[in-house]
Amino acid sequence: MSQQSDQPDRRPFLYVVVCAAGVARDVDRLFVAAQDAGWDVGVVATPQGLGFLDAAAVEARTGYPIRSGWRAPGDPRPFPDPDAIAVAPATFNTVNKWAAGIADTLALGILCEAYGLGVPTAVLPAVNSLLAQHPAYAESLARLRSMGVRISTRAPHTPKSGDTAAFPWEEALELLAQGPDSAAR
């Protein structure tokens, strides 16, 4: 799972999975908080999430390229193994596909494998209140919680509100700090 024990001087490594939601443009708030807390950070974006990021700024902040597509066999791994994962923002689509075990993107493949590896994972959904009413969403959240995924209880936002100021970026780190006893396994 982790290279932490192999390299005692290495800082813990946090994968930040970024999905295509309006708040994604402010994800650097999470990078700064994580780095201030002692993490190294690598970004994995969904294919649609890439359009919400300034790649040069992310790479300058983290020191790593953004990952979005699969690497070719034999290509070097651009990130160390994750010590934890934060999915922020997490969209309706990503939550539902992940809970169903669909790994059709690099981001979803990493999330699906994280369960088997026991990698602590926190999720900050960015889902509007109409989508959140769909029965599949509640079922997906329940399945992810049963897998030990730590999920924000923040209420869904009003559709088309554009309100991104209150997105709780630091909550991802708080959820990860809670430890496995606070999440259902």
Protein backbone atom coordinates (compact mmCIF):
# COMPACT_ATOMS: atom_id res chain seq x y z
CA MET A 1 0.00 0.00 0.00
CA SER A 2 2.33 2.69 1.21
CA GLN A 3 5.98 3.42 0.71
CA GLN A 4 5.94 5.26 4.05
CA SER A 5 7.54 2.39 5.96
CA ASP A 6 10.13 1.85 3.21
CA GLN A 7 11.26 5.48 3.31
CA PRO A 8 11.08 6.82 6.87
CA ASP A 9 12.13 10.36 5.88
CA ARG A 10 9.43 10.64 3.23
CA ARG A 11 6.44 12.84 4.01
CA PRO A 12 3.07 11.09 3.78
CA PHE A 13 1.59 11.29 0.29
CA LEU A 14 -1.99 12.44 -0.33
CA TYR A 15 -3.75 11.81 -3.62
CA VAL A 16 -6.34 14.51 -4.30
CA VAL A 17 -8.93 13.28 -6.79
CA VAL A 18 -10.58 16.25 -8.49
CA CYS A 19 -13.89 15.94 -10.34
CA ALA A 20 -15.68 18.35 -12.68
CA ALA A 21 -17.52 20.67 -10.30
CA GLY A 22 -17.42 24.47 -10.16
CA VAL A 23 -15.62 24.49 -6.81
CA ALA A 24 -12.71 22.53 -8.31
CA ARG A 25 -11.09 25.78 -9.41
CA ASP A 26 -10.38 26.47 -5.70
CA VAL A 27 -8.82 23.06 -4.91
CA ASP A 28 -5.50 24.74 -4.20
CA ARG A 29 -7.00 25.57 -0.77
CA LEU A 30 -6.85 21.84 -0.03
CA PHE A 31 -3.28 21.56 -1.37
CA VAL A 32 -2.11 24.40 0.88
CA ALA A 33 -3.84 22.97 3.96
CA ALA A 34 -2.46 19.50 3.27
CA GLN A 35 1.08 20.74 2.69
CA ASP A 36 0.89 22.88 5.83
CA ALA A 37 -0.16 19.71 7.71
CA GLY A 38 2.93 17.84 6.44
CA TRP A 39 1.60 16.03 3.35
CA ASP A 40 3.07 15.85 -0.12
CA VAL A 41 0.26 16.08 -2.67
CA GLY A 42 -0.40 14.62 -6.10
CA VAL A 43 -3.50 15.40 -8.16
CA VAL A 44 -5.54 12.86 -10.09
CA ALA A 45 -8.26 14.51 -12.16
CA THR A 46 -11.20 12.93 -13.88
CA PRO A 47 -11.08 13.61 -17.63
CA GLN A 48 -13.77 16.31 -17.26
CA GLY A 49 -12.15 17.61 -14.07
CA LEU A 50 -9.01 18.57 -16.00
CA GLY A 51 -10.89 21.48 -17.55
CA PHE A 52 -11.40 23.05 -14.13
CA LEU A 53 -7.71 23.11 -13.23
CA ASP A 54 -4.80 25.35 -14.12
CA ALA A 55 -2.29 22.58 -14.80
CA ALA A 56 0.77 24.82 -14.56
CA ALA A 57 -0.35 26.25 -11.22
CA VAL A 58 -1.17 22.80 -9.81
CA GLU A 59 2.18 21.40 -10.91
CA ALA A 60 4.02 24.42 -9.48
CA ARG A 61 2.19 24.03 -6.16
CA THR A 62 2.56 20.24 -5.82
CA GLY A 63 5.77 19.54 -7.72
CA TYR A 64 4.05 16.72 -9.62
CA PRO A 65 2.21 16.49 -12.95
CA ILE A 66 -1.55 16.09 -12.87
CA ARG A 67 -2.54 12.49 -13.63
CA SER A 68 -5.68 11.80 -15.60
CA GLY A 69 -4.95 9.02 -18.07
CA TRP A 70 -3.47 5.58 -17.69
CA ARG A 71 0.27 5.32 -18.09
CA ALA A 72 1.75 2.96 -20.66
CA PRO A 73 3.27 -0.34 -19.48
CA GLY A 74 6.85 0.28 -18.42
CA ASP A 75 6.39 4.04 -17.93
CA PRO A 76 7.63 5.25 -14.56
CA ARG A 77 5.07 5.88 -11.83
CA PRO A 78 4.81 9.66 -11.39
CA PHE A 79 3.58 9.44 -7.75
CA PRO A 80 4.50 7.31 -4.78
CA ASP A 81 1.76 5.05 -3.42
CA PRO A 82 -0.88 7.01 -1.50
CA ASP A 83 -0.97 7.12 2.27
CA ALA A 84 -4.46 8.62 1.97
CA ILE A 85 -6.86 9.91 -0.66
CA ALA A 86 -9.16 12.95 -0.63
CA VAL A 87 -11.86 13.12 -3.30
CA ALA A 88 -12.70 16.80 -3.48
CA PRO A 89 -14.90 17.84 -5.08
CA ALA A 90 -16.71 14.54 -5.66
CA THR A 91 -19.48 14.64 -8.23
CA PHE A 92 -22.72 12.66 -8.43
CA ASN A 93 -21.27 10.70 -11.34
CA THR A 94 -18.03 9.77 -9.57
CA VAL A 95 -19.74 8.78 -6.31
CA ASN A 96 -22.20 6.50 -8.11
CA LYS A 97 -19.66 4.88 -10.43
CA TRP A 98 -17.18 4.33 -7.60
CA ALA A 99 -19.79 2.70 -5.35
CA ALA A 100 -20.81 0.44 -8.26
CA GLY A 101 -17.19 -0.62 -8.84
CA ILE A 102 -16.92 1.01 -12.25
CA ALA A 103 -13.29 1.84 -12.99
CA ASP A 104 -13.48 3.39 -16.45
CA THR A 105 -11.11 6.28 -15.68
CA LEU A 106 -7.78 6.43 -13.87
CA ALA A 107 -9.41 8.31 -10.98
CA LEU A 108 -12.10 5.65 -10.53
CA GLY A 109 -9.57 2.84 -10.91
CA ILE A 110 -7.47 4.34 -8.12
CA LEU A 111 -10.53 4.75 -5.90
CA CYS A 112 -11.74 1.20 -6.52
CA GLU A 113 -8.29 -0.22 -5.74
CA ALA A 114 -7.92 1.92 -2.61
CA TYR A 115 -10.54 -0.18 -0.86
CA GLY A 116 -8.58 -3.39 -1.42
CA LEU A 117 -5.37 -1.69 -0.32
CA GLY A 118 -6.93 -0.23 2.83
CA VAL A 119 -6.00 3.34 1.91
CA PRO A 120 -7.89 5.85 4.10
CA THR A 121 -10.19 7.86 1.86
CA ALA A 122 -12.22 11.01 2.53
CA VAL A 123 -14.90 12.46 0.26
CA LEU A 124 -16.29 15.98 -0.04
CA PRO A 125 -19.32 15.70 -2.34
CA ALA A 126 -20.23 18.66 -4.53
CA VAL A 127 -23.73 17.57 -5.50
CA ASN A 128 -26.81 19.70 -5.94
CA SER A 129 -29.93 19.05 -3.90
CA LEU A 130 -31.93 17.73 -6.87
CA LEU A 131 -29.34 15.12 -7.83
CA ALA A 132 -28.91 14.20 -4.15
CA GLN A 133 -32.58 13.12 -4.09
CA HIS A 134 -31.95 10.35 -6.61
CA PRO A 135 -32.16 6.97 -4.82
CA ALA A 136 -28.91 5.76 -6.40
CA TYR A 137 -26.98 8.56 -4.68
CA ALA A 138 -28.13 7.65 -1.16
CA GLU A 139 -27.42 3.98 -1.89
CA SER A 140 -23.96 4.85 -3.21
CA LEU A 141 -23.11 6.91 -0.13
CA ALA A 142 -24.28 4.05 2.10
CA ARG A 143 -22.14 1.55 0.18
CA LEU A 144 -19.06 3.79 0.36
CA ARG A 145 -19.57 4.31 4.11
CA SER A 146 -19.85 0.53 4.56
CA MET A 147 -16.46 0.29 2.83
CA GLY A 148 -14.93 2.64 5.42
CA VAL A 149 -14.91 5.74 3.22
CA ARG A 150 -15.23 8.90 5.31
CA ILE A 151 -17.83 11.21 3.78
CA SER A 152 -18.64 14.82 4.60
CA THR A 153 -22.13 15.38 5.94
CA ARG A 154 -22.28 18.83 4.35
CA ALA A 155 -25.70 19.47 2.82
CA PRO A 156 -26.02 19.46 -0.98
CA HIS A 157 -26.02 22.90 -2.59
CA THR A 158 -28.88 24.65 -4.39
CA PRO A 159 -28.83 23.89 -8.13
CA LYS A 160 -27.13 26.57 -10.24
CA SER A 161 -26.35 28.63 -7.13
CA GLY A 162 -22.69 29.14 -8.00
CA ASP A 163 -21.95 29.33 -4.27
CA THR A 164 -18.43 28.00 -3.87
CA ALA A 165 -17.22 30.18 -1.00
CA ALA A 166 -18.34 27.82 1.75
CA PHE A 167 -16.88 24.59 0.34
CA PRO A 168 -15.15 22.90 3.31
CA TRP A 169 -11.77 22.00 1.78
CA GLU A 170 -10.02 21.44 5.12
CA GLU A 171 -12.73 18.96 6.17
CA ALA A 172 -11.02 16.35 3.97
CA LEU A 173 -8.00 16.43 6.27
CA GLU A 174 -10.23 16.35 9.36
CA LEU A 175 -12.01 13.27 8.04
CA LEU A 176 -8.71 11.55 7.33
CA ALA A 177 -7.45 12.38 10.83
CA GLN A 178 -10.47 10.69 12.44
CA GLY A 179 -8.98 7.24 11.95
CA PRO A 180 -10.61 3.94 11.04
CA ASP A 181 -12.60 3.59 14.27
CA SER A 182 -14.87 6.49 13.28
CA ALA A 183 -15.82 5.00 9.89
CA ALA A 184 -17.88 1.88 9.41
CA ARG A 185 -15.84 -1.00 7.96
